Amino acid sequence: DWETCMTMNNTWGYKSYDNHWKSREDLLRKLVDIASKGGNFLLNVGPTAEGLIPGPSVERLAAIGDWMKVNSESIYGTTASPLGEVPWGRCTAKPGKLYLHVFDWPANGKLGVPGLKNKVRKAYLLADKKHAKLHIMRAGSEKVVITVPSKAADTINTVVVLEIDNK
């Protein structure tokens, strides 16, 4: 039970001269990083004196909204990662599901998931509406390797879903 409060630039209120905007990549990855550690992300928007939301804020919020339209299942109602640190990104969880947030897409098409003892019933990309199965291979008692497409569905954060037995 914790929260990160952050601004999109350097100030909490509107300042016409504060043009140090965080990138949409940085904001999306912070959202996932915080969710993967069991936290809540409070993102501040500072309106102008006229009550308008600055254009750069609107652009970043729209980008987050577009990503969430596809991937919200991997954020809302999830818990912290049961896997600890993973080399390619972050992980969030729900009962029977792990959401692998892949920031660094594997060039060799093999996504290794360390620390996973559970049986994996199914793996698929969250962005794939048909949930086409990805190939799963056990590599020892505590590692699974998922064969993923050569190209990431999203260059910032592609979500791979693992349906697993037990918690």
Protein backbone atom coordinates (compact mmCIF):
# COMPACT_ATOMS: atom_id res chain seq x y z
CA ASP A 1 0.00 0.00 0.00
CA TRP A 2 2.00 2.91 -1.31
CA GLU A 3 1.77 5.63 -3.91
CA THR A 4 4.11 7.59 -6.17
CA CYS A 5 3.04 11.16 -6.86
CA MET A 6 4.70 12.67 -9.93
CA THR A 7 4.43 15.53 -12.38
CA MET A 8 4.74 15.30 -16.16
CA ASN A 9 7.38 18.02 -16.12
CA ASN A 10 9.25 19.70 -13.22
CA THR A 11 6.50 21.68 -11.49
CA TRP A 12 3.25 20.82 -9.72
CA GLY A 13 1.38 23.86 -10.97
CA TYR A 14 1.40 25.40 -14.43
CA LYS A 15 4.55 27.32 -15.32
CA SER A 16 4.79 28.68 -18.88
CA TYR A 17 8.58 28.24 -18.84
CA ASP A 18 8.61 24.60 -17.64
CA ASN A 19 9.08 22.66 -20.86
CA HIS A 20 10.98 19.71 -19.38
CA TRP A 21 8.31 17.12 -20.23
CA LYS A 22 8.82 13.46 -19.42
CA SER A 23 8.42 11.27 -22.49
CA ARG A 24 5.39 9.02 -22.95
CA GLU A 25 7.80 6.07 -22.82
CA ASP A 26 9.09 7.21 -19.43
CA LEU A 27 5.57 7.78 -18.04
CA LEU A 28 4.22 4.43 -19.31
CA ARG A 29 7.18 2.52 -17.96
CA LYS A 30 6.88 4.29 -14.60
CA LEU A 31 3.20 3.28 -14.46
CA VAL A 32 4.13 -0.36 -15.05
CA ASP A 33 7.14 -0.25 -12.72
CA ILE A 34 5.01 1.10 -9.88
CA ALA A 35 2.16 -1.39 -10.50
CA SER A 36 4.69 -4.26 -10.61
CA LYS A 37 5.80 -3.31 -7.11
CA GLY A 38 2.25 -3.09 -5.74
CA GLY A 39 1.98 0.70 -5.82
CA ASN A 40 -0.42 3.33 -7.15
CA PHE A 41 0.67 5.99 -9.66
CA LEU A 42 -0.73 9.50 -9.09
CA LEU A 43 0.15 11.65 -12.10
CA ASN A 44 -0.34 15.39 -11.67
CA VAL A 45 -1.71 17.69 -14.37
CA GLY A 46 -1.25 21.41 -13.80
CA PRO A 47 -3.89 23.48 -15.66
CA THR A 48 -3.24 27.03 -16.87
CA ALA A 49 -4.81 30.05 -15.16
CA GLU A 50 -7.67 29.69 -17.67
CA GLY A 51 -8.25 26.10 -16.55
CA LEU A 52 -6.85 24.58 -19.74
CA ILE A 53 -4.69 21.46 -19.78
CA PRO A 54 -1.40 22.20 -21.59
CA GLY A 55 -0.94 20.50 -24.97
CA PRO A 56 2.06 18.38 -23.90
CA SER A 57 0.02 17.02 -20.97
CA VAL A 58 -2.88 16.19 -23.30
CA GLU A 59 -0.51 14.38 -25.69
CA ARG A 60 0.98 12.26 -22.88
CA LEU A 61 -2.38 11.46 -21.32
CA ALA A 62 -3.72 10.43 -24.75
CA ALA A 63 -0.73 8.13 -25.27
CA ILE A 64 -1.25 6.52 -21.87
CA GLY A 65 -4.98 6.20 -22.66
CA ASP A 66 -4.26 4.53 -26.01
CA TRP A 67 -1.94 2.02 -24.34
CA MET A 68 -4.47 1.38 -21.57
CA LYS A 69 -7.27 0.69 -24.10
CA VAL A 70 -5.29 -2.38 -25.14
CA ASN A 71 -3.49 -3.29 -21.92
CA SER A 72 -5.57 -2.10 -18.93
CA GLU A 73 -6.17 -5.70 -17.83
CA SER A 74 -2.45 -5.89 -17.02
CA ILE A 75 -2.65 -2.90 -14.64
CA TYR A 76 -6.12 -2.63 -13.03
CA GLY A 77 -6.68 -5.05 -10.16
CA THR A 78 -3.20 -6.54 -10.37
CA THR A 79 -0.73 -7.24 -7.60
CA ALA A 80 3.03 -6.95 -7.38
CA SER A 81 5.25 -9.30 -9.33
CA PRO A 82 5.83 -12.69 -7.74
CA LEU A 83 8.95 -13.12 -9.90
CA GLY A 84 11.17 -10.36 -8.53
CA GLU A 85 13.49 -8.67 -11.02
CA VAL A 86 13.32 -9.82 -14.61
CA PRO A 87 15.92 -8.80 -17.22
CA TRP A 88 13.50 -7.67 -19.95
CA GLY A 89 10.98 -5.46 -18.08
CA ARG A 90 8.38 -5.95 -15.32
CA CYS A 91 5.60 -8.33 -14.28
CA THR A 92 2.15 -7.83 -12.72
CA ALA A 93 -0.19 -10.59 -11.54
CA LYS A 94 -3.78 -11.68 -10.99
CA PRO A 95 -4.89 -15.09 -9.74
CA GLY A 96 -4.03 -17.56 -12.50
CA LYS A 97 -2.32 -14.95 -14.72
CA LEU A 98 1.03 -13.25 -15.05
CA TYR A 99 1.40 -10.17 -17.23
CA LEU A 100 4.92 -9.88 -18.62
CA HIS A 101 5.61 -6.25 -19.53
CA VAL A 102 8.42 -6.55 -22.05
CA PHE A 103 10.40 -3.32 -22.43
CA ASP A 104 13.40 -4.98 -24.13
CA TRP A 105 12.05 -7.28 -26.83
CA PRO A 106 14.28 -10.34 -27.33
CA ALA A 107 16.13 -10.20 -30.67
CA ASN A 108 16.34 -14.01 -30.75
CA GLY A 109 12.57 -14.47 -30.28
CA LYS A 110 13.01 -16.26 -26.94
CA LEU A 111 11.63 -14.62 -23.78
CA GLY A 112 13.04 -16.29 -20.67
CA VAL A 113 10.92 -16.12 -17.51
CA PRO A 114 13.08 -16.93 -14.47
CA GLY A 115 11.70 -18.03 -11.11
CA LEU A 116 8.51 -19.60 -12.46
CA LYS A 117 7.72 -23.03 -11.02
CA ASN A 118 4.02 -23.08 -11.98
CA LYS A 119 2.71 -24.97 -14.96
CA VAL A 120 1.98 -22.55 -17.80
CA ARG A 121 -1.25 -23.48 -19.57
CA LYS A 122 -1.20 -20.78 -22.24
CA ALA A 123 0.85 -17.79 -23.39
CA TYR A 124 -0.31 -15.02 -25.74
CA LEU A 125 0.09 -11.33 -26.52
CA LEU A 126 -2.50 -9.17 -24.76
CA ALA A 127 -2.74 -6.99 -27.89
CA ASP A 128 -3.73 -10.04 -29.97
CA LYS A 129 -7.54 -10.05 -29.83
CA LYS A 130 -7.64 -13.72 -30.90
CA HIS A 131 -5.11 -14.68 -28.20
CA ALA A 132 -3.12 -16.91 -30.54
CA LYS A 133 -1.02 -19.25 -28.44
CA LEU A 134 2.70 -18.69 -28.19
CA HIS A 135 5.02 -21.70 -27.86
CA ILE A 136 6.02 -22.49 -24.26
CA MET A 137 9.06 -24.53 -23.24
CA ARG A 138 10.22 -25.49 -19.75
CA ALA A 139 13.95 -24.84 -19.21
CA GLY A 140 14.67 -26.42 -15.85
CA SER A 141 12.43 -26.45 -12.80
CA GLU A 142 12.26 -22.68 -12.39
CA LYS A 143 12.41 -21.19 -15.88
CA VAL A 144 10.05 -21.01 -18.83
CA VAL A 145 10.97 -19.83 -22.33
CA ILE A 146 8.26 -18.30 -24.52
CA THR A 147 8.76 -18.06 -28.29
CA VAL A 148 7.56 -14.59 -29.26
CA PRO A 149 7.07 -12.86 -32.64
CA SER A 150 10.16 -11.28 -34.19
CA LYS A 151 8.69 -7.79 -33.77
CA ALA A 152 7.16 -6.31 -30.60
CA ALA A 153 3.50 -5.31 -30.79
CA ASP A 154 4.41 -2.09 -28.93
CA THR A 155 7.95 -0.68 -28.92
CA ILE A 156 7.53 0.81 -25.44
CA ASN A 157 5.86 -2.10 -23.63
CA THR A 158 4.40 -5.25 -25.16
CA VAL A 159 2.42 -7.41 -22.71
CA VAL A 160 2.69 -11.19 -22.83
CA VAL A 161 0.05 -13.02 -20.77
CA LEU A 162 0.82 -16.32 -19.08
CA GLU A 163 -2.14 -18.35 -17.84
CA ILE A 164 -0.77 -20.48 -15.01
CA ASP A 165 -1.92 -23.13 -12.56
CA ASN A 166 -2.27 -21.96 -8.94
CA LYS A 167 -1.06 -18.66 -7.58
